[in-house]
PDB file of N, CA and C in Angstrom:
ATOM      1  N   UNK A   1      -1.739  12.286 -16.122  1.00  0.00           N
ATOM      2  CA  UNK A   1      -1.393  11.318 -15.097  1.00  0.00           C
ATOM      3  C   UNK A   1      -0.962  12.078 -13.840  1.00  0.00           C
ATOM      4  N   UNK A   2      -1.410  11.618 -12.656  1.00  0.00           N
ATOM      5  CA  UNK A   2      -1.058  12.314 -11.418  1.00  0.00           C
ATOM      6  C   UNK A   2       0.440  12.260 -11.122  1.00  0.00           C
ATOM      7  N   UNK A   3       0.881  13.187 -10.300  1.00  0.00           N
ATOM      8  CA  UNK A   3       2.273  13.228  -9.882  1.00  0.00           C
ATOM      9  C   UNK A   3       2.586  12.020  -9.007  1.00  0.00           C
ATOM     10  N   UNK A   4       3.734  11.409  -9.259  1.00  0.00           N
ATOM     11  CA  UNK A   4       4.169  10.263  -8.462  1.00  0.00           C
ATOM     12  C   UNK A   4       4.841  10.792  -7.198  1.00  0.00           C
ATOM     13  N   UNK A   5       4.407  10.306  -6.036  1.00  0.00           N
ATOM     14  CA  UNK A   5       5.030  10.703  -4.780  1.00  0.00           C
ATOM     15  C   UNK A   5       6.430  10.124  -4.694  1.00  0.00           C
ATOM     16  N   UNK A   6       7.384  10.925  -4.213  1.00  0.00           N
ATOM     17  CA  UNK A   6       8.771  10.494  -4.096  1.00  0.00           C
ATOM     18  C   UNK A   6       9.196  10.498  -2.632  1.00  0.00           C
ATOM     19  N   UNK A   7       9.997   9.479  -2.289  1.00  0.00           N
ATOM     20  CA  UNK A   7      10.515   9.337  -0.942  1.00  0.00           C
ATOM     21  C   UNK A   7      11.973   8.907  -1.028  1.00  0.00           C
ATOM     22  N   UNK A   8      12.819   9.317  -0.061  1.00  0.00           N
ATOM     23  CA  UNK A   8      14.208   8.864  -0.059  1.00  0.00           C
ATOM     24  C   UNK A   8      14.306   7.408   0.377  1.00  0.00           C
ATOM     25  N   UNK A   9      15.295   6.728  -0.133  1.00  0.00           N
ATOM     26  CA  UNK A   9      15.546   5.338   0.222  1.00  0.00           C
ATOM     27  C   UNK A   9      15.657   5.188   1.735  1.00  0.00           C
ATOM     28  N   UNK A  10      14.985   4.169   2.272  1.00  0.00           N
ATOM     29  CA  UNK A  10      15.016   3.905   3.702  1.00  0.00           C
ATOM     30  C   UNK A  10      13.891   4.547   4.476  1.00  0.00           C
ATOM     31  N   UNK A  11      13.129   5.441   3.835  1.00  0.00           N
ATOM     32  CA  UNK A  11      12.016   6.093   4.520  1.00  0.00           C
ATOM     33  C   UNK A  11      10.889   5.083   4.744  1.00  0.00           C
ATOM     34  N   UNK A  12      10.160   5.254   5.844  1.00  0.00           N
ATOM     35  CA  UNK A  12       8.981   4.431   6.088  1.00  0.00           C
ATOM     36  C   UNK A  12       7.781   5.154   5.506  1.00  0.00           C
ATOM     37  N   UNK A  13       7.074   4.456   4.649  1.00  0.00           N
ATOM     38  CA  UNK A  13       5.942   5.041   3.934  1.00  0.00           C
ATOM     39  C   UNK A  13       4.657   4.430   4.468  1.00  0.00           C
ATOM     40  N   UNK A  14       3.666   5.270   4.707  1.00  0.00           N
ATOM     41  CA  UNK A  14       2.353   4.798   5.149  1.00  0.00           C
ATOM     42  C   UNK A  14       1.429   4.758   3.933  1.00  0.00           C
ATOM     43  N   UNK A  15       0.988   3.548   3.618  1.00  0.00           N
ATOM     44  CA  UNK A  15       0.025   3.329   2.550  1.00  0.00           C
ATOM     45  C   UNK A  15      -1.336   3.154   3.209  1.00  0.00           C
ATOM     46  N   UNK A  16      -2.319   3.912   2.784  1.00  0.00           N
ATOM     47  CA  UNK A  16      -3.636   3.801   3.380  1.00  0.00           C
ATOM     48  C   UNK A  16      -4.721   3.667   2.331  1.00  0.00           C
ATOM     49  N   UNK A  17      -5.835   3.078   2.737  1.00  0.00           N
ATOM     50  CA  UNK A  17      -6.962   2.931   1.834  1.00  0.00           C
ATOM     51  C   UNK A  17      -8.257   2.847   2.638  1.00  0.00           C
ATOM     52  N   UNK A  18      -9.310   3.430   2.079  1.00  0.00           N
ATOM     53  CA  UNK A  18     -10.648   3.322   2.659  1.00  0.00           C
ATOM     54  C   UNK A  18     -11.544   2.618   1.653  1.00  0.00           C
ATOM     55  N   UNK A  19     -12.151   1.527   2.076  1.00  0.00           N
ATOM     56  CA  UNK A  19     -13.091   0.785   1.245  1.00  0.00           C
ATOM     57  C   UNK A  19     -14.495   1.324   1.530  1.00  0.00           C
ATOM     58  N   UNK A  20     -15.263   1.576   0.474  1.00  0.00           N
ATOM     59  CA  UNK A  20     -16.598   2.133   0.646  1.00  0.00           C
ATOM     60  C   UNK A  20     -17.627   1.372  -0.172  1.00  0.00           C
ATOM     61  N   UNK A  21     -18.856   1.455   0.299  1.00  0.00           N
ATOM     62  CA  UNK A  21     -20.023   0.986  -0.448  1.00  0.00           C
ATOM     63  C   UNK A  21     -21.006   2.146  -0.421  1.00  0.00           C
ATOM     64  N   UNK A  22     -21.342   2.666  -1.606  1.00  0.00           N
ATOM     65  CA  UNK A  22     -22.251   3.824  -1.709  1.00  0.00           C
ATOM     66  C   UNK A  22     -21.758   4.965  -0.824  1.00  0.00           C
ATOM     67  N   UNK A  23     -20.492   5.259  -0.869  1.00  0.00           N
ATOM     68  CA  UNK A  23     -19.784   6.316  -0.129  1.00  0.00           C
ATOM     69  C   UNK A  23     -19.708   6.095   1.385  1.00  0.00           C
ATOM     70  N   UNK A  24     -20.133   4.956   1.871  1.00  0.00           N
ATOM     71  CA  UNK A  24     -20.062   4.652   3.309  1.00  0.00           C
ATOM     72  C   UNK A  24     -18.895   3.695   3.558  1.00  0.00           C
ATOM     73  N   UNK A  25     -17.993   4.076   4.454  1.00  0.00           N
ATOM     74  CA  UNK A  25     -16.851   3.215   4.785  1.00  0.00           C
ATOM     75  C   UNK A  25     -17.363   1.867   5.273  1.00  0.00           C
ATOM     76  N   UNK A  26     -16.877   0.803   4.628  1.00  0.00           N
ATOM     77  CA  UNK A  26     -17.360  -0.549   4.906  1.00  0.00           C
ATOM     78  C   UNK A  26     -16.185  -1.512   4.912  1.00  0.00           C
ATOM     79  N   UNK A  27     -16.185  -2.446   5.864  1.00  0.00           N
ATOM     80  CA  UNK A  27     -15.135  -3.457   5.903  1.00  0.00           C
ATOM     81  C   UNK A  27     -15.369  -4.515   4.829  1.00  0.00           C
ATOM     82  N   UNK A  28     -14.341  -4.785   4.017  1.00  0.00           N
ATOM     83  CA  UNK A  28     -14.425  -5.914   3.098  1.00  0.00           C
ATOM     84  C   UNK A  28     -14.391  -7.229   3.887  1.00  0.00           C
ATOM     85  N   UNK A  29     -14.804  -8.297   3.253  1.00  0.00           N
ATOM     86  CA  UNK A  29     -14.696  -9.619   3.866  1.00  0.00           C
ATOM     87  C   UNK A  29     -13.228  -9.990   4.027  1.00  0.00           C
ATOM     88  N   UNK A  30     -12.413  -9.644   3.025  1.00  0.00           N
ATOM     89  CA  UNK A  30     -10.967  -9.884   3.075  1.00  0.00           C
ATOM     90  C   UNK A  30     -10.251  -8.663   2.501  1.00  0.00           C
ATOM     91  N   UNK A  31      -9.100  -8.336   3.093  1.00  0.00           N
ATOM     92  CA  UNK A  31      -8.279  -7.208   2.640  1.00  0.00           C
ATOM     93  C   UNK A  31      -6.880  -7.719   2.336  1.00  0.00           C
ATOM     94  N   UNK A  32      -6.403  -7.375   1.141  1.00  0.00           N
ATOM     95  CA  UNK A  32      -5.057  -7.756   0.715  1.00  0.00           C
ATOM     96  C   UNK A  32      -4.325  -6.511   0.234  1.00  0.00           C
ATOM     97  N   UNK A  33      -3.042  -6.409   0.593  1.00  0.00           N
ATOM     98  CA  UNK A  33      -2.175  -5.327   0.127  1.00  0.00           C
ATOM     99  C   UNK A  33      -0.975  -5.962  -0.559  1.00  0.00           C
ATOM    100  N   UNK A  34      -0.633  -5.476  -1.757  1.00  0.00           N
ATOM    101  CA  UNK A  34       0.498  -6.026  -2.503  1.00  0.00           C
ATOM    102  C   UNK A  34       1.433  -4.909  -2.919  1.00  0.00           C
ATOM    103  N   UNK A  35       2.732  -5.228  -2.914  1.00  0.00           N
ATOM    104  CA  UNK A  35       3.716  -4.317  -3.481  1.00  0.00           C
ATOM    105  C   UNK A  35       4.477  -5.044  -4.577  1.00  0.00           C
ATOM    106  N   UNK A  36       4.937  -4.262  -5.547  1.00  0.00           N
ATOM    107  CA  UNK A  36       5.844  -4.791  -6.573  1.00  0.00           C
ATOM    108  C   UNK A  36       7.057  -3.880  -6.602  1.00  0.00           C
ATOM    109  N   UNK A  37       8.225  -4.438  -6.263  1.00  0.00           N
ATOM    110  CA  UNK A  37       9.432  -3.619  -6.181  1.00  0.00           C
ATOM    111  C   UNK A  37      10.003  -3.369  -7.586  1.00  0.00           C
ATOM    112  N   UNK A  38      11.013  -2.504  -7.693  1.00  0.00           N
ATOM    113  CA  UNK A  38      11.576  -2.179  -9.007  1.00  0.00           C
ATOM    114  C   UNK A  38      12.147  -3.386  -9.768  1.00  0.00           C
ATOM    115  N   UNK A  39      12.452  -4.478  -9.073  1.00  0.00           N
ATOM    116  CA  UNK A  39      12.946  -5.693  -9.730  1.00  0.00           C
ATOM    117  C   UNK A  39      11.815  -6.612 -10.176  1.00  0.00           C
ATOM    118  N   UNK A  40      10.573  -6.232  -9.874  1.00  0.00           N
ATOM    119  CA  UNK A  40       9.423  -7.022 -10.287  1.00  0.00           C
ATOM    120  C   UNK A  40       8.923  -8.029  -9.268  1.00  0.00           C
ATOM    121  N   UNK A  41       9.534  -8.073  -8.079  1.00  0.00           N
ATOM    122  CA  UNK A  41       9.095  -9.016  -7.047  1.00  0.00           C
ATOM    123  C   UNK A  41       7.826  -8.499  -6.367  1.00  0.00           C
ATOM    124  N   UNK A  42       6.806  -9.340  -6.331  1.00  0.00           N
ATOM    125  CA  UNK A  42       5.543  -8.993  -5.692  1.00  0.00           C
ATOM    126  C   UNK A  42       5.498  -9.617  -4.296  1.00  0.00           C
ATOM    127  N   UNK A  43       5.142  -8.800  -3.302  1.00  0.00           N
ATOM    128  CA  UNK A  43       4.966  -9.269  -1.933  1.00  0.00           C
ATOM    129  C   UNK A  43       3.524  -9.003  -1.536  1.00  0.00           C
ATOM    130  N   UNK A  44       2.893  -9.998  -0.915  1.00  0.00           N
ATOM    131  CA  UNK A  44       1.487  -9.908  -0.529  1.00  0.00           C
ATOM    132  C   UNK A  44       1.345  -9.897   0.982  1.00  0.00           C
ATOM    133  N   UNK A  45       0.494  -8.992   1.488  1.00  0.00           N
ATOM    134  CA  UNK A  45       0.190  -8.891   2.910  1.00  0.00           C
ATOM    135  C   UNK A  45      -1.327  -9.031   3.056  1.00  0.00           C
ATOM    136  N   UNK A  46      -1.769  -9.863   3.993  1.00  0.00           N
ATOM    137  CA  UNK A  46      -3.190 -10.140   4.171  1.00  0.00           C
ATOM    138  C   UNK A  46      -3.610  -9.741   5.586  1.00  0.00           C
ATOM    139  N   UNK A  47      -4.702  -8.978   5.665  1.00  0.00           N
ATOM    140  CA  UNK A  47      -5.223  -8.561   6.967  1.00  0.00           C
ATOM    141  C   UNK A  47      -5.611  -9.793   7.783  1.00  0.00           C
ATOM    142  N   UNK A  48      -5.280  -9.772   9.045  1.00  0.00           N
ATOM    143  CA  UNK A  48      -5.481 -10.831  10.038  1.00  0.00           C
ATOM    144  C   UNK A  48      -4.503 -11.992   9.877  1.00  0.00           C
ATOM    145  N   UNK A  49      -3.640 -11.931   8.876  1.00  0.00           N
ATOM    146  CA  UNK A  49      -2.572 -12.918   8.708  1.00  0.00           C
ATOM    147  C   UNK A  49      -1.215 -12.256   8.909  1.00  0.00           C
ATOM    148  N   UNK A  50      -1.052 -11.068   8.318  1.00  0.00           N
ATOM    149  CA  UNK A  50       0.211 -10.336   8.371  1.00  0.00           C
ATOM    150  C   UNK A  50       0.040  -9.073   9.216  1.00  0.00           C
ATOM    151  N   UNK A  51       0.910  -8.921  10.207  1.00  0.00           N
ATOM    152  CA  UNK A  51       0.822  -7.788  11.138  1.00  0.00           C
ATOM    153  C   UNK A  51       0.968  -6.432  10.443  1.00  0.00           C
ATOM    154  N   UNK A  52       1.539  -6.408   9.249  1.00  0.00           N
ATOM    155  CA  UNK A  52       1.742  -5.142   8.536  1.00  0.00           C
ATOM    156  C   UNK A  52       0.419  -4.453   8.184  1.00  0.00           C
ATOM    157  N   UNK A  53      -0.634  -5.231   7.956  1.00  0.00           N
ATOM    158  CA  UNK A  53      -1.931  -4.649   7.582  1.00  0.00           C
ATOM    159  C   UNK A  53      -2.708  -4.359   8.870  1.00  0.00           C
ATOM    160  N   UNK A  54      -2.968  -3.066   9.098  1.00  0.00           N
ATOM    161  CA  UNK A  54      -3.612  -2.620  10.331  1.00  0.00           C
ATOM    162  C   UNK A  54      -4.965  -1.988   9.995  1.00  0.00           C
ATOM    163  N   UNK A  55      -5.982  -2.389  10.732  1.00  0.00           N
ATOM    164  CA  UNK A  55      -7.299  -1.766  10.602  1.00  0.00           C
ATOM    165  C   UNK A  55      -7.335  -0.536  11.498  1.00  0.00           C
ATOM    166  N   UNK A  56      -7.595   0.628  10.900  1.00  0.00           N
ATOM    167  CA  UNK A  56      -7.620   1.888  11.629  1.00  0.00           C
ATOM    168  C   UNK A  56      -9.037   2.197  12.113  1.00  0.00           C
ATOM    169  N   UNK A  57     -10.016   1.829  11.321  1.00  0.00           N
ATOM    170  CA  UNK A  57     -11.431   2.066  11.631  1.00  0.00           C
ATOM    171  C   UNK A  57     -12.255   1.307  10.610  1.00  0.00           C
ATOM    172  N   UNK A  58     -13.548   1.436  10.667  1.00  0.00           N
ATOM    173  CA  UNK A  58     -14.414   0.734   9.726  1.00  0.00           C
ATOM    174  C   UNK A  58     -14.032   1.082   8.291  1.00  0.00           C
ATOM    175  N   UNK A  59     -13.615   0.079   7.538  1.00  0.00           N
ATOM    176  CA  UNK A  59     -13.250   0.259   6.136  1.00  0.00           C
ATOM    177  C   UNK A  59     -11.908   0.905   5.887  1.00  0.00           C
ATOM    178  N   UNK A  60     -11.204   1.303   6.940  1.00  0.00           N
ATOM    179  CA  UNK A  60      -9.945   2.053   6.806  1.00  0.00           C
ATOM    180  C   UNK A  60      -8.776   1.178   7.239  1.00  0.00           C
ATOM    181  N   UNK A  61      -7.790   1.031   6.343  1.00  0.00           N
ATOM    182  CA  UNK A  61      -6.642   0.158   6.583  1.00  0.00           C
ATOM    183  C   UNK A  61      -5.363   0.881   6.204  1.00  0.00           C
ATOM    184  N   UNK A  62      -4.266   0.440   6.830  1.00  0.00           N
ATOM    185  CA  UNK A  62      -2.955   1.024   6.498  1.00  0.00           C
ATOM    186  C   UNK A  62      -1.879  -0.040   6.575  1.00  0.00           C
ATOM    187  N   UNK A  63      -0.790   0.247   5.869  1.00  0.00           N
ATOM    188  CA  UNK A  63       0.423  -0.566   5.920  1.00  0.00           C
ATOM    189  C   UNK A  63       1.597   0.404   5.953  1.00  0.00           C
ATOM    190  N   UNK A  64       2.532   0.221   6.895  1.00  0.00           N
ATOM    191  CA  UNK A  64       3.754   1.021   6.971  1.00  0.00           C
ATOM    192  C   UNK A  64       4.923   0.137   6.543  1.00  0.00           C
ATOM    193  N   UNK A  65       5.651   0.584   5.517  1.00  0.00           N
ATOM    194  CA  UNK A  65       6.788  -0.192   5.023  1.00  0.00           C
ATOM    195  C   UNK A  65       7.997   0.705   4.822  1.00  0.00           C
ATOM    196  N   UNK A  66       9.170   0.234   5.224  1.00  0.00           N
ATOM    197  CA  UNK A  66      10.428   0.918   4.928  1.00  0.00           C
ATOM    198  C   UNK A  66      10.929   0.370   3.589  1.00  0.00           C
ATOM    199  N   UNK A  67      11.034   1.247   2.614  1.00  0.00           N
ATOM    200  CA  UNK A  67      11.449   0.825   1.275  1.00  0.00           C
ATOM    201  C   UNK A  67      12.868   1.310   0.996  1.00  0.00           C
ATOM    202  N   UNK A  68      13.764   0.372   0.713  1.00  0.00           N
ATOM    203  CA  UNK A  68      15.170   0.699   0.502  1.00  0.00           C
ATOM    204  C   UNK A  68      15.621   0.589  -0.943  1.00  0.00           C
ATOM    205  N   UNK A  69      14.936  -0.175  -1.743  1.00  0.00           N
ATOM    206  CA  UNK A  69      15.340  -0.391  -3.130  1.00  0.00           C
ATOM    207  C   UNK A  69      14.925   0.809  -3.973  1.00  0.00           C
ATOM    208  N   UNK A  70      15.900   1.460  -4.610  1.00  0.00           N
ATOM    209  CA  UNK A  70      15.651   2.658  -5.403  1.00  0.00           C
ATOM    210  C   UNK A  70      14.902   2.286  -6.682  1.00  0.00           C
ATOM    211  N   UNK A  71      13.914   3.097  -7.008  1.00  0.00           N
ATOM    212  CA  UNK A  71      13.154   2.912  -8.238  1.00  0.00           C
ATOM    213  C   UNK A  71      11.662   3.026  -7.983  1.00  0.00           C
ATOM    214  N   UNK A  72      10.893   2.609  -8.981  1.00  0.00           N
ATOM    215  CA  UNK A  72       9.437   2.707  -8.924  1.00  0.00           C
ATOM    216  C   UNK A  72       8.826   1.480  -8.254  1.00  0.00           C
ATOM    217  N   UNK A  73       8.021   1.718  -7.225  1.00  0.00           N
ATOM    218  CA  UNK A  73       7.296   0.676  -6.496  1.00  0.00           C
ATOM    219  C   UNK A  73       5.811   0.830  -6.809  1.00  0.00           C
ATOM    220  N   UNK A  74       5.162  -0.252  -7.150  1.00  0.00           N
ATOM    221  CA  UNK A  74       3.715  -0.262  -7.336  1.00  0.00           C
ATOM    222  C   UNK A  74       3.080  -0.888  -6.107  1.00  0.00           C
ATOM    223  N   UNK A  75       1.876  -0.430  -5.780  1.00  0.00           N
ATOM    224  CA  UNK A  75       1.143  -1.049  -4.679  1.00  0.00           C
ATOM    225  C   UNK A  75      -0.325  -1.170  -5.059  1.00  0.00           C
ATOM    226  N   UNK A  76      -0.987  -2.128  -4.419  1.00  0.00           N
ATOM    227  CA  UNK A  76      -2.381  -2.436  -4.758  1.00  0.00           C
ATOM    228  C   UNK A  76      -3.137  -2.898  -3.523  1.00  0.00           C
ATOM    229  N   UNK A  77      -4.284  -2.289  -3.286  1.00  0.00           N
ATOM    230  CA  UNK A  77      -5.218  -2.717  -2.260  1.00  0.00           C
ATOM    231  C   UNK A  77      -6.324  -3.515  -2.936  1.00  0.00           C
ATOM    232  N   UNK A  78      -6.745  -4.616  -2.307  1.00  0.00           N
ATOM    233  CA  UNK A  78      -7.844  -5.418  -2.825  1.00  0.00           C
ATOM    234  C   UNK A  78      -8.804  -5.731  -1.680  1.00  0.00           C
ATOM    235  N   UNK A  79     -10.075  -5.486  -1.916  1.00  0.00           N
ATOM    236  CA  UNK A  79     -11.117  -5.849  -0.962  1.00  0.00           C
ATOM    237  C   UNK A  79     -12.093  -6.790  -1.641  1.00  0.00           C
ATOM    238  N   UNK A  80     -12.609  -7.760  -0.882  1.00  0.00           N
ATOM    239  CA  UNK A  80     -13.565  -8.715  -1.447  1.00  0.00           C
ATOM    240  C   UNK A  80     -14.813  -8.782  -0.573  1.00  0.00           C
ATOM    241  N   UNK A  81     -15.845  -9.415  -1.089  1.00  0.00           N
ATOM    242  CA  UNK A  81     -17.051  -9.675  -0.303  1.00  0.00           C
ATOM    243  C   UNK A  81     -17.900  -8.453  -0.067  1.00  0.00           C
ATOM    244  N   UNK A  82     -18.021  -8.030   1.192  1.00  0.00           N
ATOM    245  CA  UNK A  82     -18.930  -6.951   1.572  1.00  0.00           C
ATOM    246  C   UNK A  82     -18.563  -5.588   0.996  1.00  0.00           C
ATOM    247  N   UNK A  83     -17.301  -5.368   0.677  1.00  0.00           N
ATOM    248  CA  UNK A  83     -16.857  -4.088   0.100  1.00  0.00           C
ATOM    249  C   UNK A  83     -15.797  -4.371  -0.966  1.00  0.00           C
ATOM    250  N   UNK A  84     -16.232  -4.942  -2.094  1.00  0.00           N
ATOM    251  CA  UNK A  84     -15.249  -5.281  -3.123  1.00  0.00           C
ATOM    252  C   UNK A  84     -14.663  -4.025  -3.767  1.00  0.00           C
ATOM    253  N   UNK A  85     -13.401  -4.079  -4.070  1.00  0.00           N
ATOM    254  CA  UNK A  85     -12.778  -2.942  -4.740  1.00  0.00           C
ATOM    255  C   UNK A  85     -11.280  -3.110  -4.834  1.00  0.00           C
ATOM    256  N   UNK A  86     -10.704  -2.298  -5.715  1.00  0.00           N
ATOM    257  CA  UNK A  86      -9.267  -2.321  -5.956  1.00  0.00           C
ATOM    258  C   UNK A  86      -8.778  -0.880  -6.066  1.00  0.00           C
ATOM    259  N   UNK A  87      -7.619  -0.599  -5.483  1.00  0.00           N
ATOM    260  CA  UNK A  87      -6.947   0.689  -5.647  1.00  0.00           C
ATOM    261  C   UNK A  87      -5.484   0.389  -5.919  1.00  0.00           C
ATOM    262  N   UNK A  88      -4.929   1.032  -6.927  1.00  0.00           N
ATOM    263  CA  UNK A  88      -3.552   0.763  -7.322  1.00  0.00           C
ATOM    264  C   UNK A  88      -2.859   2.082  -7.647  1.00  0.00           C
ATOM    265  N   UNK A  89      -1.595   2.200  -7.242  1.00  0.00           N
ATOM    266  CA  UNK A  89      -0.806   3.402  -7.524  1.00  0.00           C
ATOM    267  C   UNK A  89       0.668   3.061  -7.392  1.00  0.00           C
ATOM    268  N   UNK A  90       1.508   4.070  -7.406  1.00  0.00           N
ATOM    269  CA  UNK A  90       2.949   3.849  -7.328  1.00  0.00           C
ATOM    270  C   UNK A  90       3.627   4.980  -6.570  1.00  0.00           C
ATOM    271  N   UNK A  91       4.820   4.673  -6.063  1.00  0.00           N
ATOM    272  CA  UNK A  91       5.678   5.666  -5.438  1.00  0.00           C
ATOM    273  C   UNK A  91       7.078   5.492  -6.019  1.00  0.00           C
ATOM    274  N   UNK A  92       7.855   6.544  -5.951  1.00  0.00           N
ATOM    275  CA  UNK A  92       9.228   6.508  -6.444  1.00  0.00           C
ATOM    276  C   UNK A  92      10.169   6.641  -5.264  1.00  0.00           C
ATOM    277  N   UNK A  93      11.084   5.676  -5.120  1.00  0.00           N
ATOM    278  CA  UNK A  93      12.103   5.722  -4.072  1.00  0.00           C
ATOM    279  C   UNK A  93      13.393   6.229  -4.716  1.00  0.00           C
ATOM    280  N   UNK A  94      13.925   7.298  -4.151  1.00  0.00           N
ATOM    281  CA  UNK A  94      15.113   7.933  -4.720  1.00  0.00           C
ATOM    282  C   UNK A  94      16.356   7.642  -3.892  1.00  0.00           C
ATOM    283  N   UNK A  95      17.500   7.694  -4.544  1.00  0.00           N
ATOM    284  CA  UNK A  95      18.772   7.465  -3.859  1.00  0.00           C
ATOM    285  C   UNK A  95      19.091   8.658  -2.955  1.00  0.00           C
ATOM    286  N   UNK A  96      19.802   8.373  -1.881  1.00  0.00           N
ATOM    287  CA  UNK A  96      20.215   9.421  -0.964  1.00  0.00           C
ATOM    288  C   UNK A  96      21.286  10.291  -1.610  1.00  0.00           C
ATOM    289  N   UNK A  97      21.223  11.584  -1.331  1.00  0.00           N
ATOM    290  CA  UNK A  97      22.269  12.513  -1.765  1.00  0.00           C
ATOM    291  C   UNK A  97      23.339  12.680  -0.703  1.00  0.00           C
ATOM    292  N   UNK A  98      23.113  12.050   0.476  1.00  0.00           N
ATOM    293  CA  UNK A  98      24.039  12.203   1.593  1.00  0.00           C
ATOM    294  C   UNK A  98      24.897  10.953   1.764  1.00  0.00           C
ATOM    295  N   UNK A  99      24.233   9.791   1.780  1.00  0.00           N
ATOM    296  CA  UNK A  99      24.989   8.544   1.939  1.00  0.00           C
ATOM    297  C   UNK A  99      24.976   7.771   0.633  1.00  0.00           C
ATOM    298  N   UNK A 100      26.028   7.070   0.375  1.00  0.00           N
ATOM    299  CA  UNK A 100      26.139   6.345  -0.892  1.00  0.00           C
ATOM    300  C   UNK A 100      26.050   4.862  -0.661  1.00  0.00           C
TER     301      UNK A 100
END
């Protein structure tokens, strides 16, 4: 299993994804980004509905989020239509050693 990326609580994390068809970056018909916090709450962000989802280029999207809740966060990209696909992973948010 790959190494889980770790970030300190309060850091802004850039989540990015490129959707492809036959290795060519392609825009999906719809793009959705979801997070699941350590308490199990799922939050959904939809491109063209939520400002958090930004199109960087053809097929390339990003979301910047400041995560404060310590623990394991899961995230998932979903594309439909012209470039269907799913990417899912996790990050670990750690407690500060400086502030309590």
